[in-house]
Structures are given as C-alpha cells and as structure tokens.
Amino acid sequence: MRPSFPDGHGGAQETDGSLGDRRRAVLTCAAVMAVADLLGVDTAVVSTSSPFTDLGLSSSQLARLTAHLEDAMGVEVPLTAIYDHPDIEQLVEYLAMR
C-alpha cells in the first residue's frame, strides 16, 4: 500500500506524467513527513517554502533530518545540503537533480 501525500504537499495531479515530476512529488512527501516526524506535528502544518530553522528545527534535528531523508529517499543527503538548500522546495530541487 502506497502512503498518500499530505494535503498540499505533492499530491497534485501531474499533467505531463514525467518521471521528474513524480520524483519531486515523492521527495517532497518524504521530506514533509520527515520534518513533521522530527517536530512531532501533523504534516499539514509543514510549509515546504519555510526555512527549516523557521519551522523550528534545531541544529541537532537538522543533522537527524539528513538520516531520515536518506532512509526515506534512498539518496545520500549531506548535512551541507540542508544549509545550502534551507527549505524543502530547494532541497527537493537539489536532490531531484542528483
């Protein structure tokens, strides 16, 4: 059974059906779920455009976020990527290009 996308976080219908769009949607969903898990909040309150620090993630949580994302996404996420791409949208764009 596939997990459903949180409301407003990548569940929109794709018009072109491209693999890149699907990958971005999956990465976005995984990132939103990881951030929500670390913060102990519902996925609906996680903004994809707010910086991780504005969402309330501490530096130690940011370090744990990389491990969550690596497990969920199956790609290496260096800690520097979190600082170079400080919100979910920017991070997903970076990861989608790898």
Protein backbone atom coordinates (compact mmCIF):
# COMPACT_ATOMS: atom_id res chain seq x y z
CA MET A 1 0.00 0.00 0.00
CA ARG A 2 1.42 3.38 -1.02
CA PRO A 3 1.31 6.20 1.53
CA SER A 4 -0.88 9.08 0.49
CA PHE A 5 0.53 12.55 0.06
CA PRO A 6 -0.20 15.05 2.81
CA ASP A 7 -2.68 17.71 1.73
CA GLY A 8 -0.94 20.40 -0.28
CA HIS A 9 2.38 18.56 -0.39
CA GLY A 10 2.93 16.96 -3.77
CA GLY A 11 -0.39 15.22 -4.26
CA ALA A 12 -1.47 17.34 -7.22
CA GLN A 13 -2.22 15.53 -10.44
CA GLU A 14 0.65 15.54 -12.88
CA THR A 15 -0.27 16.83 -16.29
CA ASP A 16 2.77 15.59 -18.19
CA GLY A 17 3.36 12.36 -16.28
CA SER A 18 7.10 12.90 -16.34
CA LEU A 19 9.35 10.84 -14.12
CA GLY A 20 10.98 14.05 -12.85
CA ASP A 21 7.68 15.41 -11.58
CA ARG A 22 6.84 12.12 -9.86
CA ARG A 23 10.30 12.02 -8.29
CA ARG A 24 9.89 15.58 -6.98
CA ALA A 25 6.47 14.71 -5.56
CA VAL A 26 7.84 11.63 -3.78
CA LEU A 27 10.85 13.57 -2.46
CA THR A 28 8.59 16.38 -1.24
CA CYS A 29 6.27 13.95 0.53
CA ALA A 30 9.21 12.18 2.19
CA ALA A 31 10.73 15.47 3.32
CA VAL A 32 7.45 16.78 4.72
CA MET A 33 6.87 13.53 6.59
CA ALA A 34 10.44 13.54 7.98
CA VAL A 35 10.19 17.14 9.20
CA ALA A 36 6.76 16.51 10.74
CA ASP A 37 8.10 13.41 12.50
CA LEU A 38 11.08 15.30 13.93
CA LEU A 39 8.86 18.15 15.14
CA GLY A 40 6.05 15.91 16.37
CA VAL A 41 3.46 17.77 14.30
CA ASP A 42 0.93 16.94 11.60
CA THR A 43 2.23 17.05 8.03
CA ALA A 44 -0.40 19.67 7.16
CA VAL A 45 1.45 22.32 9.21
CA VAL A 46 4.82 21.79 7.49
CA SER A 47 5.42 24.52 4.91
CA THR A 48 7.62 23.48 2.01
CA SER A 49 8.81 27.05 1.45
CA SER A 50 9.72 27.98 5.04
CA PRO A 51 13.36 27.60 6.10
CA PHE A 52 13.98 24.56 8.26
CA THR A 53 15.03 26.78 11.17
CA ASP A 54 11.79 28.80 10.88
CA LEU A 55 9.88 25.54 11.12
CA GLY A 56 11.57 25.03 14.49
CA LEU A 57 14.29 22.50 13.68
CA SER A 58 17.39 22.83 15.84
CA SER A 59 20.88 22.13 14.52
CA SER A 60 20.83 18.64 16.04
CA GLN A 61 17.45 17.96 14.45
CA LEU A 62 18.83 19.13 11.09
CA ALA A 63 21.58 16.54 11.44
CA ARG A 64 18.95 13.86 12.18
CA LEU A 65 16.89 15.12 9.25
CA THR A 66 19.63 14.03 6.84
CA ALA A 67 19.41 10.45 8.16
CA HIS A 68 15.59 10.48 7.92
CA LEU A 69 15.78 11.74 4.35
CA GLU A 70 18.45 9.24 3.34
CA ASP A 71 16.32 6.37 4.66
CA ALA A 72 13.11 7.67 3.10
CA MET A 73 14.53 8.82 -0.22
CA GLY A 74 17.29 6.33 -0.82
CA VAL A 75 19.79 9.05 -1.69
CA GLU A 76 22.73 10.47 0.23
CA VAL A 77 21.88 13.82 1.81
CA PRO A 78 25.00 15.58 3.12
CA LEU A 79 24.46 17.91 6.04
CA THR A 80 25.79 20.78 3.95
CA ALA A 81 22.85 20.29 1.56
CA ILE A 82 20.45 21.22 4.36
CA TYR A 83 22.28 24.52 4.87
CA ASP A 84 22.82 25.19 1.15
CA HIS A 85 19.16 24.43 0.37
CA PRO A 86 17.40 25.65 3.53
CA ASP A 87 13.79 24.69 2.79
CA ILE A 88 12.00 21.65 1.47
CA GLU A 89 11.38 23.07 -2.01
CA GLN A 90 15.03 23.99 -2.56
CA LEU A 91 16.29 20.73 -1.08
CA VAL A 92 13.94 18.65 -3.24
CA GLU A 93 15.09 20.50 -6.37
CA TYR A 94 18.70 19.77 -5.45
CA LEU A 95 18.01 16.10 -4.69
CA ALA A 96 15.90 15.62 -7.83
CA MET A 97 18.88 16.66 -9.94
CA ARG A 98 21.17 14.01 -8.40
